[in-house]
Amino acid sequence: MPGWLELWSVARPGLLWVAVLALLTWAVSLWRHDASLADRLWPVFIAGASVAHALAGPTPPAWRGAVLLALVLAWGVRLCVYITRRNWGHGEDRRYQQMRARHAPHFGLKSLVLVFGLQAVLAWVVSAPVLVGWLGPQPWGWLDSLGAALALFGLLFEAVADAQLARFKADPAHAGQVMDRGLWRLSRHPNYFGEACFWWGVGLLALGAAGWAGTWSLVSPLLMTWLLLKVSGVVLLEHDIAERRPAYADYIRRTPAFWPGRRRAP
């Protein structure tokens, strides 16, 4: 693996990308009065930083570089389109409305740091495995194959879960009901499980590229898993959902939160 100075020189364009995009998105959010635009651009932050790493680095082993970039770009495009379609015309997400109330007055200015600046830094950190994957000198091996398979599985699992939920919500007959079918019968958050699998797969590709020298890049899947479980994912979404939707309490009792598993009896 290259030294830290070379790593930094390759990583800087990605940081610049997320900083500029975060600033532009923040400006639009002030005009739209909608800080939840950050959610739509989150995958673009990460995918864009990954492309910047690839362009700034030396020519990588063609196979690993192509696989890494294809996976992350596919993930980014799919998630950006899905979130944008889901949120289109609904205004600011309830979670950001609550944040706006907590940090009033002048939330618009504060959101530059609390929302957009923070997400930009996190996105840059999450893109670390792509940086390592492009710079790592090791030939393609079994760890790369395992990582690619896990990432592809996670991407498909997440996409199927999101599609199932979107179809369920689009049917007026399901208004007020709890989605507990398909993958959602196995886990209350199968999309988050797929997301975690994707980033652990990308992390394994980085290990395949650099061996133990690239272990530090596992901060990316660790960070994503922590965010999904403890910060912006399961905990935040289920904070008061049982109060707003009483049927969800039974869903919580019977269905695993994250890892897909057997549903408990009534």
C-alpha atoms as a PDB file:
ATOM      1  CA  MET A   1       0.000   0.000   0.000  1.00  0.00           C
ATOM      2  CA  PRO A   2       1.167   3.569  -0.674  1.00  0.00           C
ATOM      3  CA  GLY A   3       2.134   5.779   2.252  1.00  0.00           C
ATOM      4  CA  TRP A   4      -0.252   8.127   4.019  1.00  0.00           C
ATOM      5  CA  LEU A   5       0.874  11.159   2.000  1.00  0.00           C
ATOM      6  CA  GLU A   6       0.041   9.421  -1.284  1.00  0.00           C
ATOM      7  CA  LEU A   7      -3.262   8.212   0.140  1.00  0.00           C
ATOM      8  CA  TRP A   8      -4.112  11.770   1.151  1.00  0.00           C
ATOM      9  CA  SER A   9      -3.229  13.142  -2.299  1.00  0.00           C
ATOM     10  CA  VAL A  10      -5.629  10.666  -3.914  1.00  0.00           C
ATOM     11  CA  ALA A  11      -8.341  11.168  -1.278  1.00  0.00           C
ATOM     12  CA  ARG A  12      -8.412  14.986  -1.470  1.00  0.00           C
ATOM     13  CA  PRO A  13     -10.419  15.248  -4.709  1.00  0.00           C
ATOM     14  CA  GLY A  14     -13.150  13.103  -3.156  1.00  0.00           C
ATOM     15  CA  LEU A  15     -13.283  15.368  -0.122  1.00  0.00           C
ATOM     16  CA  LEU A  16     -13.462  18.405  -2.381  1.00  0.00           C
ATOM     17  CA  TRP A  17     -16.328  16.795  -4.313  1.00  0.00           C
ATOM     18  CA  VAL A  18     -18.459  16.131  -1.263  1.00  0.00           C
ATOM     19  CA  ALA A  19     -17.707  19.579   0.191  1.00  0.00           C
ATOM     20  CA  VAL A  20     -18.794  21.417  -2.964  1.00  0.00           C
ATOM     21  CA  LEU A  21     -21.870  19.249  -3.487  1.00  0.00           C
ATOM     22  CA  ALA A  22     -22.883  19.611   0.168  1.00  0.00           C
ATOM     23  CA  LEU A  23     -22.596  23.389  -0.080  1.00  0.00           C
ATOM     24  CA  LEU A  24     -24.709  23.513  -3.248  1.00  0.00           C
ATOM     25  CA  THR A  25     -27.338  21.168  -1.785  1.00  0.00           C
ATOM     26  CA  TRP A  26     -27.478  23.279   1.377  1.00  0.00           C
ATOM     27  CA  ALA A  27     -28.117  26.399  -0.723  1.00  0.00           C
ATOM     28  CA  VAL A  28     -30.989  24.667  -2.532  1.00  0.00           C
ATOM     29  CA  SER A  29     -32.388  23.442   0.800  1.00  0.00           C
ATOM     30  CA  LEU A  30     -32.608  27.043   2.031  1.00  0.00           C
ATOM     31  CA  TRP A  31     -34.573  27.985  -1.082  1.00  0.00           C
ATOM     32  CA  ARG A  32     -36.828  24.913  -0.825  1.00  0.00           C
ATOM     33  CA  HIS A  33     -37.056  25.016   2.983  1.00  0.00           C
ATOM     34  CA  ASP A  34     -36.273  21.280   2.916  1.00  0.00           C
ATOM     35  CA  ALA A  35     -33.193  19.921   4.695  1.00  0.00           C
ATOM     36  CA  SER A  36     -34.205  16.364   3.811  1.00  0.00           C
ATOM     37  CA  LEU A  37     -32.673  16.983   0.376  1.00  0.00           C
ATOM     38  CA  ALA A  38     -29.548  15.686   2.100  1.00  0.00           C
ATOM     39  CA  ASP A  39     -31.053  12.190   2.041  1.00  0.00           C
ATOM     40  CA  ARG A  40     -31.521  12.288  -1.721  1.00  0.00           C
ATOM     41  CA  LEU A  41     -27.928  13.392  -2.300  1.00  0.00           C
ATOM     42  CA  TRP A  42     -26.303  11.094   0.290  1.00  0.00           C
ATOM     43  CA  PRO A  43     -25.658   8.302  -2.247  1.00  0.00           C
ATOM     44  CA  VAL A  44     -24.408  10.862  -4.766  1.00  0.00           C
ATOM     45  CA  PHE A  45     -21.896  12.149  -2.198  1.00  0.00           C
ATOM     46  CA  ILE A  46     -20.481   8.637  -1.762  1.00  0.00           C
ATOM     47  CA  ALA A  47     -20.584   7.569  -5.409  1.00  0.00           C
ATOM     48  CA  GLY A  48     -19.068  10.871  -6.531  1.00  0.00           C
ATOM     49  CA  ALA A  49     -16.250  10.631  -3.991  1.00  0.00           C
ATOM     50  CA  SER A  50     -15.571   7.089  -5.207  1.00  0.00           C
ATOM     51  CA  VAL A  51     -15.280   8.279  -8.806  1.00  0.00           C
ATOM     52  CA  ALA A  52     -12.951  11.075  -7.678  1.00  0.00           C
ATOM     53  CA  HIS A  53     -10.702   8.535  -5.935  1.00  0.00           C
ATOM     54  CA  ALA A  54     -10.556   6.456  -9.105  1.00  0.00           C
ATOM     55  CA  LEU A  55      -9.712   9.424 -11.318  1.00  0.00           C
ATOM     56  CA  ALA A  56      -7.033  10.720  -8.951  1.00  0.00           C
ATOM     57  CA  GLY A  57      -5.336   7.370  -8.382  1.00  0.00           C
ATOM     58  CA  PRO A  58      -2.995   5.410 -10.611  1.00  0.00           C
ATOM     59  CA  THR A  59      -4.360   2.879 -13.059  1.00  0.00           C
ATOM     60  CA  PRO A  60      -5.635  -0.010 -10.886  1.00  0.00           C
ATOM     61  CA  PRO A  61      -5.914  -3.702 -11.668  1.00  0.00           C
ATOM     62  CA  ALA A  62      -8.667  -3.452 -14.287  1.00  0.00           C
ATOM     63  CA  TRP A  63     -10.936  -6.181 -12.920  1.00  0.00           C
ATOM     64  CA  ARG A  64     -11.113  -5.051  -9.284  1.00  0.00           C
ATOM     65  CA  GLY A  65     -11.363  -1.371 -10.218  1.00  0.00           C
ATOM     66  CA  ALA A  66     -14.201  -2.001 -12.639  1.00  0.00           C
ATOM     67  CA  VAL A  67     -16.088  -4.197 -10.153  1.00  0.00           C
ATOM     68  CA  LEU A  68     -15.713  -1.729  -7.272  1.00  0.00           C
ATOM     69  CA  LEU A  69     -16.768   1.279  -9.263  1.00  0.00           C
ATOM     70  CA  ALA A  70     -19.654  -0.524 -10.975  1.00  0.00           C
ATOM     71  CA  LEU A  71     -21.021  -1.733  -7.633  1.00  0.00           C
ATOM     72  CA  VAL A  72     -20.831   1.650  -5.916  1.00  0.00           C
ATOM     73  CA  LEU A  73     -22.265   3.531  -8.894  1.00  0.00           C
ATOM     74  CA  ALA A  74     -25.135   1.038  -9.210  1.00  0.00           C
ATOM     75  CA  TRP A  75     -25.811   1.393  -5.480  1.00  0.00           C
ATOM     76  CA  GLY A  76     -25.693   5.193  -5.667  1.00  0.00           C
ATOM     77  CA  VAL A  77     -27.923   5.598  -8.706  1.00  0.00           C
ATOM     78  CA  ARG A  78     -30.535   3.151  -7.447  1.00  0.00           C
ATOM     79  CA  LEU A  79     -30.756   4.639  -3.965  1.00  0.00           C
ATOM     80  CA  CYS A  80     -30.793   8.239  -5.200  1.00  0.00           C
ATOM     81  CA  VAL A  81     -33.610   7.521  -7.655  1.00  0.00           C
ATOM     82  CA  TYR A  82     -35.583   5.533  -5.083  1.00  0.00           C
ATOM     83  CA  ILE A  83     -35.378   8.172  -2.333  1.00  0.00           C
ATOM     84  CA  THR A  84     -36.123  11.007  -4.768  1.00  0.00           C
ATOM     85  CA  ARG A  85     -39.225   9.241  -6.139  1.00  0.00           C
ATOM     86  CA  ARG A  86     -40.396   8.308  -2.647  1.00  0.00           C
ATOM     87  CA  ASN A  87     -40.064  11.842  -1.274  1.00  0.00           C
ATOM     88  CA  TRP A  88     -41.142  13.783  -4.358  1.00  0.00           C
ATOM     89  CA  GLY A  89     -43.937  16.224  -3.565  1.00  0.00           C
ATOM     90  CA  HIS A  90     -44.078  15.383   0.157  1.00  0.00           C
ATOM     91  CA  GLY A  91     -42.065  18.313   1.476  1.00  0.00           C
ATOM     92  CA  GLU A  92     -39.548  18.054   4.272  1.00  0.00           C
ATOM     93  CA  ASP A  93     -39.278  14.689   6.010  1.00  0.00           C
ATOM     94  CA  ARG A  94     -40.780  14.518   9.505  1.00  0.00           C
ATOM     95  CA  ARG A  95     -37.399  13.746  11.066  1.00  0.00           C
ATOM     96  CA  TYR A  96     -35.917  16.942   9.669  1.00  0.00           C
ATOM     97  CA  GLN A  97     -38.950  18.929  10.740  1.00  0.00           C
ATOM     98  CA  GLN A  98     -38.310  17.750  14.294  1.00  0.00           C
ATOM     99  CA  MET A  99     -34.644  18.685  13.963  1.00  0.00           C
ATOM    100  CA  ARG A 100     -35.642  22.108  12.634  1.00  0.00           C
ATOM    101  CA  ALA A 101     -37.839  22.658  15.694  1.00  0.00           C
ATOM    102  CA  ARG A 102     -35.118  21.523  18.117  1.00  0.00           C
ATOM    103  CA  HIS A 103     -32.496  23.813  16.630  1.00  0.00           C
ATOM    104  CA  ALA A 104     -34.643  26.882  16.042  1.00  0.00           C
ATOM    105  CA  PRO A 105     -34.017  29.688  15.460  1.00  0.00           C
ATOM    106  CA  HIS A 106     -31.645  29.939  12.469  1.00  0.00           C
ATOM    107  CA  PHE A 107     -31.828  26.235  11.653  1.00  0.00           C
ATOM    108  CA  GLY A 108     -31.058  27.034   8.027  1.00  0.00           C
ATOM    109  CA  LEU A 109     -27.585  28.289   8.921  1.00  0.00           C
ATOM    110  CA  LYS A 110     -26.989  25.560  11.503  1.00  0.00           C
ATOM    111  CA  SER A 111     -27.974  22.865   9.014  1.00  0.00           C
ATOM    112  CA  LEU A 112     -24.859  23.643   6.970  1.00  0.00           C
ATOM    113  CA  VAL A 113     -22.864  21.940   9.736  1.00  0.00           C
ATOM    114  CA  LEU A 114     -25.436  19.715  11.480  1.00  0.00           C
ATOM    115  CA  VAL A 115     -26.822  18.137   8.304  1.00  0.00           C
ATOM    116  CA  PHE A 116     -24.890  18.816   5.120  1.00  0.00           C
ATOM    117  CA  GLY A 117     -21.375  19.227   6.474  1.00  0.00           C
ATOM    118  CA  LEU A 118     -21.701  16.145   8.674  1.00  0.00           C
ATOM    119  CA  GLN A 119     -23.102  14.025   5.851  1.00  0.00           C
ATOM    120  CA  ALA A 120     -20.331  15.175   3.519  1.00  0.00           C
ATOM    121  CA  VAL A 121     -17.609  14.063   5.944  1.00  0.00           C
ATOM    122  CA  LEU A 122     -19.356  10.761   6.663  1.00  0.00           C
ATOM    123  CA  ALA A 123     -19.798  10.090   2.937  1.00  0.00           C
ATOM    124  CA  TRP A 124     -16.094  10.696   2.339  1.00  0.00           C
ATOM    125  CA  VAL A 125     -15.209   8.255   5.119  1.00  0.00           C
ATOM    126  CA  VAL A 126     -17.648   5.654   3.753  1.00  0.00           C
ATOM    127  CA  SER A 127     -15.943   5.845   0.336  1.00  0.00           C
ATOM    128  CA  ALA A 128     -12.606   4.730   1.861  1.00  0.00           C
ATOM    129  CA  PRO A 129     -12.762   1.106   0.611  1.00  0.00           C
ATOM    130  CA  VAL A 130     -12.888   2.341  -2.987  1.00  0.00           C
ATOM    131  CA  LEU A 131      -9.729   4.369  -2.379  1.00  0.00           C
ATOM    132  CA  VAL A 132      -7.943   1.337  -0.935  1.00  0.00           C
ATOM    133  CA  GLY A 133      -9.325  -0.938  -3.631  1.00  0.00           C
ATOM    134  CA  TRP A 134      -7.849   1.183  -6.380  1.00  0.00           C
ATOM    135  CA  LEU A 135      -4.451   1.604  -4.741  1.00  0.00           C
ATOM    136  CA  GLY A 136      -3.983  -1.882  -3.305  1.00  0.00           C
ATOM    137  CA  PRO A 137      -1.354  -3.965  -5.132  1.00  0.00           C
ATOM    138  CA  GLN A 138      -2.676  -7.480  -4.476  1.00  0.00           C
ATOM    139  CA  PRO A 139      -4.047  -9.588  -7.359  1.00  0.00           C
ATOM    140  CA  TRP A 140      -7.685 -10.669  -7.405  1.00  0.00           C
ATOM    141  CA  GLY A 141      -8.286 -13.502  -4.971  1.00  0.00           C
ATOM    142  CA  TRP A 142     -10.918 -15.414  -3.074  1.00  0.00           C
ATOM    143  CA  LEU A 143     -11.550 -12.510  -0.681  1.00  0.00           C
ATOM    144  CA  ASP A 144     -12.397 -10.272  -3.649  1.00  0.00           C
ATOM    145  CA  SER A 145     -14.821 -12.866  -4.996  1.00  0.00           C
ATOM    146  CA  LEU A 146     -16.485 -13.162  -1.597  1.00  0.00           C
ATOM    147  CA  GLY A 147     -16.704  -9.381  -1.253  1.00  0.00           C
ATOM    148  CA  ALA A 148     -18.158  -8.897  -4.710  1.00  0.00           C
ATOM    149  CA  ALA A 149     -20.748 -11.618  -4.113  1.00  0.00           C
ATOM    150  CA  LEU A 150     -21.735 -10.165  -0.720  1.00  0.00           C
ATOM    151  CA  ALA A 151     -22.004  -6.646  -2.125  1.00  0.00           C
ATOM    152  CA  LEU A 152     -24.134  -7.824  -5.042  1.00  0.00           C
ATOM    153  CA  PHE A 153     -26.361  -9.811  -2.689  1.00  0.00           C
ATOM    154  CA  GLY A 154     -26.795  -6.772  -0.440  1.00  0.00           C
ATOM    155  CA  LEU A 155     -27.608  -4.513  -3.372  1.00  0.00           C
ATOM    156  CA  LEU A 156     -30.272  -6.896  -4.699  1.00  0.00           C
ATOM    157  CA  PHE A 157     -31.692  -7.605  -1.230  1.00  0.00           C
ATOM    158  CA  GLU A 158     -32.040  -3.897  -0.508  1.00  0.00           C
ATOM    159  CA  ALA A 159     -33.576  -3.168  -3.909  1.00  0.00           C
ATOM    160  CA  VAL A 160     -36.154  -5.955  -3.576  1.00  0.00           C
ATOM    161  CA  ALA A 161     -37.104  -4.812  -0.056  1.00  0.00           C
ATOM    162  CA  ASP A 162     -37.567  -1.206  -1.204  1.00  0.00           C
ATOM    163  CA  ALA A 163     -39.625  -2.293  -4.209  1.00  0.00           C
ATOM    164  CA  GLN A 164     -41.874  -4.460  -2.049  1.00  0.00           C
ATOM    165  CA  LEU A 165     -42.476  -1.595   0.377  1.00  0.00           C
ATOM    166  CA  ALA A 166     -43.164   0.873  -2.436  1.00  0.00           C
ATOM    167  CA  ARG A 167     -45.783  -1.433  -3.989  1.00  0.00           C
ATOM    168  CA  PHE A 168     -47.396  -1.974  -0.586  1.00  0.00           C
ATOM    169  CA  LYS A 169     -47.675   1.761   0.118  1.00  0.00           C
ATOM    170  CA  ALA A 170     -49.001   2.501  -3.375  1.00  0.00           C
ATOM    171  CA  ASP A 171     -52.113   0.371  -2.750  1.00  0.00           C
ATOM    172  CA  PRO A 172     -54.831   2.477  -1.030  1.00  0.00           C
ATOM    173  CA  ALA A 173     -56.235  -0.702   0.541  1.00  0.00           C
ATOM    174  CA  HIS A 174     -53.093  -0.892   2.720  1.00  0.00           C
ATOM    175  CA  ALA A 175     -53.539   2.565   4.289  1.00  0.00           C
ATOM    176  CA  GLY A 176     -52.738   2.379   7.989  1.00  0.00           C
ATOM    177  CA  GLN A 177     -51.521  -1.223   7.774  1.00  0.00           C
ATOM    178  CA  VAL A 178     -48.073  -2.531   8.633  1.00  0.00           C
ATOM    179  CA  MET A 179     -45.960  -3.996   5.861  1.00  0.00           C
ATOM    180  CA  ASP A 180     -45.159  -7.539   7.020  1.00  0.00           C
ATOM    181  CA  ARG A 181     -44.909  -9.413   3.750  1.00  0.00           C
ATOM    182  CA  GLY A 182     -42.077 -10.631   1.561  1.00  0.00           C
ATOM    183  CA  LEU A 183     -38.675  -9.750   2.992  1.00  0.00           C
ATOM    184  CA  TRP A 184     -40.419  -7.552   5.562  1.00  0.00           C
ATOM    185  CA  ARG A 185     -41.794 -10.714   7.141  1.00  0.00           C
ATOM    186  CA  LEU A 186     -38.241 -11.806   7.930  1.00  0.00           C
ATOM    187  CA  SER A 187     -36.925  -8.461   9.189  1.00  0.00           C
ATOM    188  CA  ARG A 188     -38.424  -5.097  10.147  1.00  0.00           C
ATOM    189  CA  HIS A 189     -35.679  -3.390   8.162  1.00  0.00           C
ATOM    190  CA  PRO A 190     -34.536  -5.717   5.361  1.00  0.00           C
ATOM    191  CA  ASN A 191     -33.415  -2.723   3.301  1.00  0.00           C
ATOM    192  CA  TYR A 192     -30.964  -1.760   6.042  1.00  0.00           C
ATOM    193  CA  PHE A 193     -29.722  -5.338   6.281  1.00  0.00           C
ATOM    194  CA  GLY A 194     -29.050  -5.313   2.537  1.00  0.00           C
ATOM    195  CA  GLU A 195     -27.294  -1.961   2.837  1.00  0.00           C
ATOM    196  CA  ALA A 196     -24.987  -3.290   5.548  1.00  0.00           C
ATOM    197  CA  CYS A 197     -24.204  -6.397   3.488  1.00  0.00           C
ATOM    198  CA  PHE A 198     -23.330  -4.203   0.520  1.00  0.00           C
ATOM    199  CA  TRP A 199     -20.781  -2.134   2.423  1.00  0.00           C
ATOM    200  CA  TRP A 200     -19.221  -5.135   4.139  1.00  0.00           C
ATOM    201  CA  GLY A 201     -18.805  -6.653   0.687  1.00  0.00           C
ATOM    202  CA  VAL A 202     -17.080  -3.498  -0.543  1.00  0.00           C
ATOM    203  CA  GLY A 203     -14.906  -3.594   2.571  1.00  0.00           C
ATOM    204  CA  LEU A 204     -13.827  -7.158   1.770  1.00  0.00           C
ATOM    205  CA  LEU A 205     -12.824  -6.027  -1.718  1.00  0.00           C
ATOM    206  CA  ALA A 206     -10.584  -3.416  -0.100  1.00  0.00           C
ATOM    207  CA  LEU A 207      -9.006  -6.107   2.084  1.00  0.00           C
ATOM    208  CA  GLY A 208      -8.470  -8.236  -0.991  1.00  0.00           C
ATOM    209  CA  ALA A 209      -6.646  -5.326  -2.613  1.00  0.00           C
ATOM    210  CA  ALA A 210      -4.350  -4.393   0.245  1.00  0.00           C
ATOM    211  CA  GLY A 211      -4.451  -7.189   2.816  1.00  0.00           C
ATOM    212  CA  TRP A 212      -3.891  -6.173   6.433  1.00  0.00           C
ATOM    213  CA  ALA A 213      -2.567  -2.783   5.284  1.00  0.00           C
ATOM    214  CA  GLY A 214      -6.100  -1.908   4.213  1.00  0.00           C
ATOM    215  CA  THR A 215      -7.813  -2.977   7.425  1.00  0.00           C
ATOM    216  CA  TRP A 216      -8.361   0.670   8.410  1.00  0.00           C
ATOM    217  CA  SER A 217     -10.820   1.020   5.516  1.00  0.00           C
ATOM    218  CA  LEU A 218     -13.237  -1.263   7.391  1.00  0.00           C
ATOM    219  CA  VAL A 219     -14.204   1.901   9.255  1.00  0.00           C
ATOM    220  CA  SER A 220     -16.581   2.332   6.298  1.00  0.00           C
ATOM    221  CA  PRO A 221     -18.810  -0.745   6.829  1.00  0.00           C
ATOM    222  CA  LEU A 222     -18.494  -0.331  10.602  1.00  0.00           C
ATOM    223  CA  LEU A 223     -19.686   3.266  10.332  1.00  0.00           C
ATOM    224  CA  MET A 224     -22.535   2.374   7.986  1.00  0.00           C
ATOM    225  CA  THR A 225     -23.711  -0.467  10.229  1.00  0.00           C
ATOM    226  CA  TRP A 226     -23.613   1.798  13.288  1.00  0.00           C
ATOM    227  CA  LEU A 227     -25.580   4.513  11.474  1.00  0.00           C
ATOM    228  CA  LEU A 228     -28.171   1.999  10.274  1.00  0.00           C
ATOM    229  CA  LEU A 229     -28.651   0.407  13.677  1.00  0.00           C
ATOM    230  CA  LYS A 230     -28.121   3.209  16.175  1.00  0.00           C
ATOM    231  CA  VAL A 231     -28.410   6.641  14.545  1.00  0.00           C
ATOM    232  CA  SER A 232     -30.371   7.369  11.373  1.00  0.00           C
ATOM    233  CA  GLY A 233     -31.884   3.938  10.855  1.00  0.00           C
ATOM    234  CA  VAL A 234     -33.660   1.501  13.147  1.00  0.00           C
ATOM    235  CA  VAL A 235     -33.569   3.536  16.373  1.00  0.00           C
ATOM    236  CA  LEU A 236     -34.664   6.799  14.781  1.00  0.00           C
ATOM    237  CA  LEU A 237     -37.453   5.306  12.678  1.00  0.00           C
ATOM    238  CA  GLU A 238     -38.890   3.260  15.534  1.00  0.00           C
ATOM    239  CA  HIS A 239     -38.562   5.960  18.195  1.00  0.00           C
ATOM    240  CA  ASP A 240     -42.305   6.675  18.321  1.00  0.00           C
ATOM    241  CA  ILE A 241     -43.786   4.596  15.519  1.00  0.00           C
ATOM    242  CA  ALA A 242     -45.599   2.233  17.907  1.00  0.00           C
ATOM    243  CA  GLU A 243     -47.404   5.237  19.401  1.00  0.00           C
ATOM    244  CA  ARG A 244     -48.447   6.527  15.988  1.00  0.00           C
ATOM    245  CA  ARG A 245     -49.318   3.090  14.611  1.00  0.00           C
ATOM    246  CA  PRO A 246     -50.454   0.675  17.366  1.00  0.00           C
ATOM    247  CA  ALA A 247     -50.269  -2.380  15.063  1.00  0.00           C
ATOM    248  CA  TYR A 248     -46.528  -1.842  14.775  1.00  0.00           C
ATOM    249  CA  ALA A 249     -46.042  -2.885  18.413  1.00  0.00           C
ATOM    250  CA  ASP A 250     -47.081  -6.440  17.527  1.00  0.00           C
ATOM    251  CA  TYR A 251     -44.838  -6.317  14.447  1.00  0.00           C
ATOM    252  CA  ILE A 252     -41.903  -5.382  16.691  1.00  0.00           C
ATOM    253  CA  ARG A 253     -42.668  -8.230  19.079  1.00  0.00           C
ATOM    254  CA  ARG A 254     -42.900 -10.867  16.348  1.00  0.00           C
ATOM    255  CA  THR A 255     -40.292  -9.796  13.786  1.00  0.00           C
ATOM    256  CA  PRO A 256     -36.492  -9.442  14.120  1.00  0.00           C
ATOM    257  CA  ALA A 257     -35.315  -5.832  13.830  1.00  0.00           C
ATOM    258  CA  PHE A 258     -32.355  -6.301  11.490  1.00  0.00           C
ATOM    259  CA  TRP A 259     -31.085  -9.827  10.867  1.00  0.00           C
ATOM    260  CA  PRO A 260     -33.627 -11.816   8.827  1.00  0.00           C
ATOM    261  CA  GLY A 261     -34.975 -14.701  10.838  1.00  0.00           C
ATOM    262  CA  ARG A 262     -37.922 -16.827  11.726  1.00  0.00           C
ATOM    263  CA  ARG A 263     -41.027 -14.918  12.746  1.00  0.00           C
ATOM    264  CA  ARG A 264     -42.188 -15.481  16.309  1.00  0.00           C
ATOM    265  CA  ALA A 265     -45.638 -16.920  16.963  1.00  0.00           C
ATOM    266  CA  PRO A 266     -48.486 -14.590  18.046  1.00  0.00           C
END
